[in-house]
Protein backbone atom coordinates (compact mmCIF):
# COMPACT_ATOMS: atom_id res chain seq x y z
CA MET A 1 195.46 175.98 400.76
CA ILE A 2 196.12 172.28 401.24
CA ASP A 3 194.57 170.70 404.33
CA ASN A 4 197.36 169.38 406.57
CA LYS A 5 195.28 166.39 407.69
CA THR A 6 193.89 165.20 404.37
CA GLY A 7 196.48 166.58 401.96
CA LEU A 8 193.60 167.81 399.78
CA THR A 9 192.71 171.21 398.37
CA LEU A 10 189.46 173.02 399.24
CA SER A 11 188.01 171.52 396.04
CA GLY A 12 189.00 168.03 397.18
CA LEU A 13 191.85 167.55 394.71
CA ASP A 14 195.00 165.64 395.68
CA PRO A 15 198.03 167.47 394.21
CA LYS A 16 200.00 164.22 394.23
CA ARG A 17 197.63 162.81 391.59
CA PHE A 18 198.79 165.56 389.20
CA GLU A 19 202.47 164.68 389.58
CA SER A 20 203.73 162.75 386.57
CA VAL A 21 205.99 163.02 383.53
CA VAL A 22 204.42 163.85 380.16
CA ASP A 23 206.52 164.11 377.02
CA GLY A 24 209.59 163.96 379.23
CA LYS A 25 208.54 166.92 381.39
CA PRO A 26 207.24 166.88 384.97
CA THR A 27 203.66 167.93 385.68
CA HIS A 28 202.47 169.60 388.84
CA LEU A 29 199.40 171.13 390.52
CA TRP A 30 199.66 174.62 392.01
CA VAL A 31 197.11 176.02 394.47
CA LEU A 32 196.35 179.74 394.51
CA THR A 33 194.39 181.31 397.38
CA ASN A 34 193.26 184.85 398.17
CA ARG A 35 192.26 186.72 401.31
CA GLN A 36 188.57 185.97 400.72
CA GLY A 37 189.21 182.22 401.07
CA ALA A 38 188.76 181.52 397.34
CA GLU A 39 190.94 178.89 395.71
CA MET A 40 192.11 178.13 392.17
CA CYS A 41 194.08 175.05 391.15
CA VAL A 42 196.31 175.01 388.07
CA THR A 43 198.34 172.30 386.38
CA ASN A 44 201.20 173.10 384.03
CA TYR A 45 199.85 170.57 381.55
CA GLY A 46 198.10 172.92 379.16
CA GLY A 47 197.83 175.64 381.79
CA ILE A 48 194.64 173.82 382.73
CA VAL A 49 192.49 175.10 385.61
CA PRO A 50 190.63 172.07 387.04
CA SER A 51 188.95 173.96 389.88
CA ILE A 52 187.91 177.43 391.02
CA MET A 53 186.17 177.50 394.39
CA MET A 54 183.73 180.38 394.85
CA PRO A 55 180.91 181.04 397.36
CA ASP A 56 177.21 181.41 396.57
CA ARG A 57 174.87 183.98 398.13
CA ASN A 58 174.66 181.82 401.29
CA GLY A 59 178.43 181.41 401.60
CA GLN A 60 178.42 177.84 400.31
CA TRP A 61 181.56 176.95 398.33
CA ALA A 62 181.56 175.05 395.04
CA ASN A 63 183.86 174.39 392.11
CA VAL A 64 182.52 176.57 389.28
CA VAL A 65 184.56 175.05 386.43
CA LEU A 66 184.34 171.60 384.89
CA GLY A 67 187.54 169.67 385.53
CA MET A 68 189.21 166.32 386.05
CA GLU A 69 190.85 164.99 389.23
CA ASP A 70 194.19 163.54 388.10
CA ILE A 71 196.74 164.07 385.36
CA GLU A 72 195.89 160.83 383.55
CA SER A 73 192.25 161.84 383.06
CA VAL A 74 193.35 165.36 382.07
CA VAL A 75 195.66 164.03 379.36
CA ASN A 76 193.39 161.24 378.11
CA GLY A 77 189.93 162.66 378.84
CA PRO A 78 187.23 163.06 376.17
CA GLU A 79 187.34 166.89 376.27
CA PRO A 80 190.96 168.00 375.69
CA PHE A 81 190.24 171.73 376.02
CA LEU A 82 188.61 171.58 379.47
CA GLY A 83 189.99 174.62 381.32
CA ALA A 84 193.03 174.88 379.06
CA THR A 85 195.19 177.56 377.50
CA ILE A 86 194.51 177.59 373.76
CA GLY A 87 197.05 178.47 371.05
CA ARG A 88 198.98 179.15 368.93
CA TYR A 89 195.71 180.09 367.27
CA GLY A 90 192.52 179.79 369.31
CA ASN A 91 189.43 178.74 367.35
CA ARG A 92 189.42 177.69 363.68
CA ILE A 93 191.52 178.39 360.61
CA ALA A 94 189.71 177.40 357.40
CA GLY A 95 191.18 174.55 355.41
CA ALA A 96 194.02 174.31 357.96
CA LYS A 97 196.07 176.79 355.91
CA PHE A 98 196.78 180.50 355.50
CA THR A 99 199.10 182.74 353.51
CA LEU A 100 201.47 185.15 355.23
CA GLU A 101 203.95 187.43 353.46
CA GLY A 102 203.33 185.53 350.23
CA LYS A 103 203.99 182.06 351.67
CA GLU A 104 201.31 179.44 352.28
CA TYR A 105 201.47 177.54 355.55
CA HIS A 106 199.75 174.18 356.07
CA LEU A 107 198.62 173.37 359.60
CA THR A 108 197.49 170.27 361.44
CA MET A 109 193.92 169.49 360.36
CA SER A 110 192.64 168.85 363.88
CA GLN A 111 188.94 169.21 363.06
CA ALA A 112 188.55 168.40 359.38
CA PRO A 113 188.60 170.36 357.19
CA ASN A 114 189.96 173.02 359.57
CA CYS A 115 192.68 173.56 362.14
CA LEU A 116 190.99 173.91 365.53
CA HIS A 117 192.80 175.47 368.53
CA GLY A 118 196.27 175.10 367.03
CA GLY A 119 196.20 171.35 366.34
CA LYS A 120 198.14 169.63 369.12
CA GLY A 121 198.24 173.08 370.59
CA PHE A 122 199.23 174.68 373.85
CA HIS A 123 196.43 172.81 375.65
CA ALA A 124 198.46 169.60 375.21
CA ARG A 125 201.93 170.92 376.10
CA VAL A 126 203.75 170.94 379.43
CA TRP A 127 204.59 174.50 380.49
CA GLU A 128 207.26 175.70 382.90
CA GLY A 129 205.64 177.01 386.08
CA GLU A 130 206.71 179.38 388.82
CA GLN A 131 204.46 180.37 391.71
CA THR A 132 205.68 183.82 392.76
CA ASP A 133 203.29 184.26 395.69
CA ALA A 134 200.11 182.75 397.14
CA GLN A 135 197.97 184.39 394.45
CA THR A 136 200.16 184.33 391.33
CA LEU A 137 201.48 181.68 388.95
CA VAL A 138 203.68 182.41 385.93
CA LEU A 139 203.63 179.85 383.09
CA ARG A 140 206.09 179.84 380.18
CA TYR A 141 206.25 177.85 376.95
CA THR A 142 208.37 178.10 373.81
CA SER A 143 206.65 176.93 370.64
CA ALA A 144 209.19 175.85 368.05
CA ASP A 145 209.31 177.23 364.52
CA GLY A 146 207.09 174.92 362.46
CA GLU A 147 205.21 173.43 365.44
CA GLU A 148 201.84 172.26 364.07
CA GLY A 149 202.77 174.11 360.86
CA PHE A 150 202.99 177.64 362.31
CA PRO A 151 206.00 179.79 361.41
CA GLY A 152 208.38 181.30 363.94
CA LYS A 153 209.66 180.40 367.38
CA LEU A 154 207.03 181.86 369.73
CA GLU A 155 207.99 182.51 373.35
CA ILE A 156 204.96 182.86 375.62
CA GLU A 157 204.69 184.06 379.21
CA MET A 158 201.31 183.86 380.87
CA THR A 159 200.47 185.06 384.38
CA TYR A 160 197.48 183.65 386.27
CA SER A 161 196.34 185.70 389.26
CA LEU A 162 193.61 185.08 391.84
CA THR A 163 192.93 188.57 393.12
CA ASP A 164 191.35 189.62 396.40
CA ASP A 165 188.32 190.75 394.37
CA ASN A 166 187.69 187.08 393.48
CA GLU A 167 189.02 187.58 389.95
CA PHE A 168 190.78 185.02 387.80
CA ARG A 169 193.06 187.34 385.81
CA ILE A 170 195.17 186.24 382.85
CA ASP A 171 197.96 188.40 381.42
CA TYR A 172 199.50 187.04 378.23
CA LYS A 173 202.76 188.12 376.56
CA ALA A 174 204.47 186.60 373.51
CA VAL A 175 207.31 187.40 371.10
CA THR A 176 208.41 185.75 367.85
CA ASP A 177 211.57 185.54 365.76
CA LYS A 178 209.64 185.26 362.47
CA THR A 179 206.36 186.76 361.26
CA THR A 180 203.55 184.54 362.50
CA VAL A 181 199.96 184.58 363.75
CA CYS A 182 199.08 184.54 367.43
CA ASN A 183 195.63 184.26 369.03
CA LEU A 184 195.63 182.99 372.60
CA THR A 185 192.67 182.32 374.88
CA ASN A 186 191.50 180.34 377.88
CA HIS A 187 188.85 177.64 377.54
CA ALA A 188 187.37 177.42 381.03
CA PHE A 189 184.02 175.60 381.04
CA PHE A 190 182.06 177.53 383.67
CA ASN A 191 179.07 176.32 385.63
CA LEU A 192 178.14 178.88 388.26
CA ALA A 193 175.79 176.44 390.02
CA GLY A 194 178.85 174.32 390.77
CA ILE A 195 179.72 170.90 389.45
CA GLN A 196 177.41 168.16 390.76
CA LYS A 197 176.61 164.47 390.41
CA VAL A 198 174.65 165.54 387.35
CA THR A 199 175.93 169.03 386.64
CA PRO A 200 172.93 171.20 385.70
CA SER A 201 172.33 172.87 382.38
CA VAL A 202 173.40 176.49 381.92
CA GLU A 203 170.21 177.26 380.01
CA ASP A 204 168.71 179.03 383.06
CA ASN A 205 171.72 181.38 383.29
CA ILE A 206 170.92 185.04 382.62
CA LEU A 207 173.38 186.49 380.12
CA TYR A 208 174.39 189.94 378.94
CA ILE A 209 176.97 190.40 376.15
CA ASN A 210 178.32 193.86 375.31
CA ALA A 211 178.13 193.36 371.55
CA ASP A 212 176.00 194.85 368.79
CA SER A 213 177.22 192.31 366.22
CA TYR A 214 178.52 188.78 365.85
CA CYS A 215 180.19 186.57 363.23
CA PRO A 216 177.78 184.21 361.43
CA ILE A 217 179.34 180.85 360.54
CA ASP A 218 178.96 178.16 357.91
CA THR A 219 178.27 174.47 358.57
CA VAL A 220 181.92 173.82 359.55
CA SER A 221 182.00 176.84 361.90
CA ILE A 222 184.03 179.20 359.68
CA PRO A 223 182.76 182.81 359.59
CA TYR A 224 181.22 183.96 356.33
CA GLY A 225 183.24 187.15 356.74
CA GLU A 226 180.68 189.77 357.72
CA LYS A 227 179.86 191.09 361.15
CA ALA A 228 176.08 190.82 361.38
CA PRO A 229 173.81 192.78 363.77
CA VAL A 230 172.55 190.78 366.74
CA GLU A 231 169.29 192.74 366.87
CA GLY A 232 166.28 190.63 365.95
CA THR A 233 168.26 187.38 366.18
CA PRO A 234 168.81 184.69 368.85
CA PHE A 235 172.21 186.34 369.41
CA ASP A 236 170.88 189.54 370.94
CA PHE A 237 172.07 189.61 374.56
CA LYS A 238 172.22 193.40 374.79
CA ARG A 239 169.59 193.04 377.51
CA PRO A 240 170.00 190.27 380.11
CA THR A 241 168.32 187.19 378.66
CA ARG A 242 167.96 183.56 379.71
CA VAL A 243 170.50 181.48 377.74
CA GLY A 244 167.98 178.76 376.91
CA ASP A 245 165.25 181.04 375.60
CA ARG A 246 166.48 180.99 371.98
CA ILE A 247 169.31 178.46 371.96
CA ASP A 248 167.30 176.04 369.80
CA ALA A 249 165.56 178.68 367.69
CA ASP A 250 164.66 177.83 364.11
CA HIS A 251 167.56 179.88 362.77
CA GLU A 252 170.43 178.99 360.45
CA GLN A 253 173.05 180.08 362.95
CA THR A 254 171.79 178.13 365.98
CA ARG A 255 171.58 175.11 363.68
CA ASN A 256 175.11 175.62 362.38
CA GLY A 257 176.47 175.96 365.92
CA ALA A 258 174.21 173.30 367.51
CA GLY A 259 173.35 176.16 369.84
CA TYR A 260 175.76 178.97 370.65
CA ASP A 261 179.32 178.59 369.37
CA HIS A 262 179.96 182.01 367.86
CA SER A 263 182.30 184.97 368.12
CA PHE A 264 180.70 188.20 369.35
CA CYS A 265 182.17 191.55 368.24
CA LEU A 266 182.62 193.48 371.45
CA ASN A 267 181.74 197.15 371.71
CA LYS A 268 184.94 199.13 372.33
CA SER A 269 185.62 202.84 372.64
CA LYS A 270 189.17 202.12 371.48
CA ALA A 271 191.03 199.00 370.34
CA GLY A 272 192.89 197.10 373.03
CA GLU A 273 191.14 198.63 376.03
CA LEU A 274 190.29 196.39 378.98
CA SER A 275 186.51 196.65 378.92
CA LEU A 276 183.31 194.80 379.72
CA ALA A 277 182.55 191.77 377.55
CA ALA A 278 179.80 189.82 379.34
CA VAL A 279 177.89 189.28 382.57
CA CYS A 280 176.43 185.90 383.49
CA GLU A 281 174.16 185.15 386.47
CA GLU A 282 173.11 181.77 387.86
CA PRO A 283 169.78 182.56 389.56
CA THR A 284 169.59 179.66 392.03
CA SER A 285 173.01 180.13 393.64
CA GLY A 286 173.20 183.85 392.97
CA ARG A 287 176.73 183.50 391.64
CA THR A 288 177.73 185.92 388.91
CA LEU A 289 180.59 186.05 386.42
CA THR A 290 181.69 189.31 384.80
CA VAL A 291 184.16 189.12 381.94
CA TYR A 292 186.54 191.90 380.90
CA THR A 293 189.03 191.66 378.05
CA THR A 294 191.35 193.64 375.81
CA GLU A 295 190.38 191.37 372.90
CA PRO A 296 187.97 192.42 370.10
CA GLY A 297 185.83 189.31 370.44
CA VAL A 298 184.54 186.65 372.78
CA GLN A 299 183.49 183.20 371.64
CA LEU A 300 180.32 182.11 373.42
CA TYR A 301 180.14 178.31 373.63
CA THR A 302 177.39 176.53 375.54
CA GLY A 303 178.85 173.04 375.88
CA ASN A 304 176.80 171.71 372.99
CA TRP A 305 179.13 168.74 372.47
CA LEU A 306 179.60 167.65 376.08
CA THR A 307 178.66 163.99 376.35
CA GLY A 308 177.94 163.38 380.02
CA PHE A 309 181.39 161.99 380.83
CA THR A 310 182.56 161.75 384.44
CA GLY A 311 184.92 164.32 385.93
CA GLN A 312 185.88 165.15 389.51
CA HIS A 313 184.43 163.24 392.45
CA GLY A 314 181.98 161.32 390.25
CA CYS A 315 180.41 164.51 388.85
CA THR A 316 179.11 164.18 385.29
CA TYR A 317 179.11 166.83 382.59
CA PRO A 318 176.04 166.50 380.33
CA ARG A 319 175.34 168.44 377.17
CA ARG A 320 175.09 172.18 377.85
CA SER A 321 176.32 171.91 381.43
CA ALA A 322 178.92 174.64 380.81
CA ILE A 323 179.24 178.10 379.35
CA CYS A 324 182.51 179.38 377.89
CA PHE A 325 183.70 182.92 377.26
CA GLU A 326 186.81 182.57 375.10
CA ALA A 327 188.26 186.07 374.76
CA GLN A 328 190.10 186.22 371.44
CA HIS A 329 190.35 187.58 367.91
CA HIS A 330 187.73 186.26 365.52
CA PRO A 331 187.97 182.80 363.92
CA ASP A 332 189.87 182.47 360.62
CA SER A 333 191.27 186.01 360.85
CA PRO A 334 194.46 185.04 358.95
CA ASN A 335 192.27 184.29 355.92
CA GLN A 336 189.83 187.17 356.43
CA PRO A 337 191.60 190.54 356.24
CA GLN A 338 188.40 192.42 357.09
CA PHE A 339 188.80 191.09 360.68
CA GLU A 340 191.29 192.54 363.16
CA SER A 341 194.78 191.23 362.40
CA THR A 342 196.43 188.44 364.40
CA THR A 343 199.82 188.91 362.70
CA LEU A 344 202.80 189.18 365.05
CA ARG A 345 206.19 190.31 363.75
CA PRO A 346 209.71 190.21 365.20
CA GLY A 347 210.25 193.17 367.49
CA GLU A 348 206.57 193.32 368.45
CA THR A 349 205.06 191.98 371.67
CA TYR A 350 201.68 190.25 371.77
CA ARG A 351 199.78 191.31 374.88
CA GLN A 352 196.35 190.37 376.12
CA THR A 353 194.50 190.63 379.42
CA THR A 354 191.28 188.85 380.33
CA VAL A 355 189.58 189.01 383.73
CA TYR A 356 186.87 186.66 385.03
CA ARG A 357 185.35 188.32 388.11
CA PHE A 358 183.10 186.24 390.35
CA GLY A 359 180.44 187.70 392.62
CA VAL A 360 176.99 187.09 394.09
CA LYS A 361 173.62 188.70 393.56
């Protein structure tokens, strides 16, 4: 809800500062509110969520996602994926190429030697937005055949909801006119303590991940191809464990990821079910985040490459001041047939649901 006197949101954002024209399309800031008093702001540039206001155990409100405070800093900021929708293929594709139905496709090499997050992907596109009620925003984007090298015209509809259970729910739907690959996700950078002048590290967060295995990666973050057991490694979060306890362990995988930047293979009773992925607790504030998804994997990223740049209201975002749970298929799946397929054909509908539920302990 926008304050009538100040014109600002609960998080202190001015919607007028998100009004501009990018690539010939108007940008906007929508404000979603629920009956608990929670608030989520969304811009149609990249489907980016610059703020989610949630209470701590004492009822104190804070923005629990890293974000910027105007459209210029969103577009030109040092972290382009901050709170954004990621596609057409979230995560990395090795060598920025893959073969589909006997044809090799060459993609934008956005993180040499790989294609990361779709090149100039959906995080850097202006979506069409329609707020259908106080708690729901529908975003639509059509990705042209050949955009960033991907085949097929892909039509995407994505619904953001702020439920009365303090959930940020995302429902994705996409169709194509030509066989393609599709792997969408959201890249919210969470900090359950709330952003601050110097936003604190997430290393004190207590984390549980519902996964018996993960995908080890090479030095350019491409999976070797096997799903390795987490047991006996720094990746075992089957029991709630402090994030920082093993993040710098003398282990090939924490070195390769500069900490945690790996896909976990979620335990599922059946493919495509909406089930528990992770639970994160910030002990000082008592805020919790529970993640549910229909996806087979979740990429855990601990903000290892954040540089301390300035975001909203003078708050800075140092290294490891965020934790990300990117629900998705595993990296490089188009080149690794042993992983769950990301192929989407004409006549099929891509569907995905991910829920981020906030609470207090």
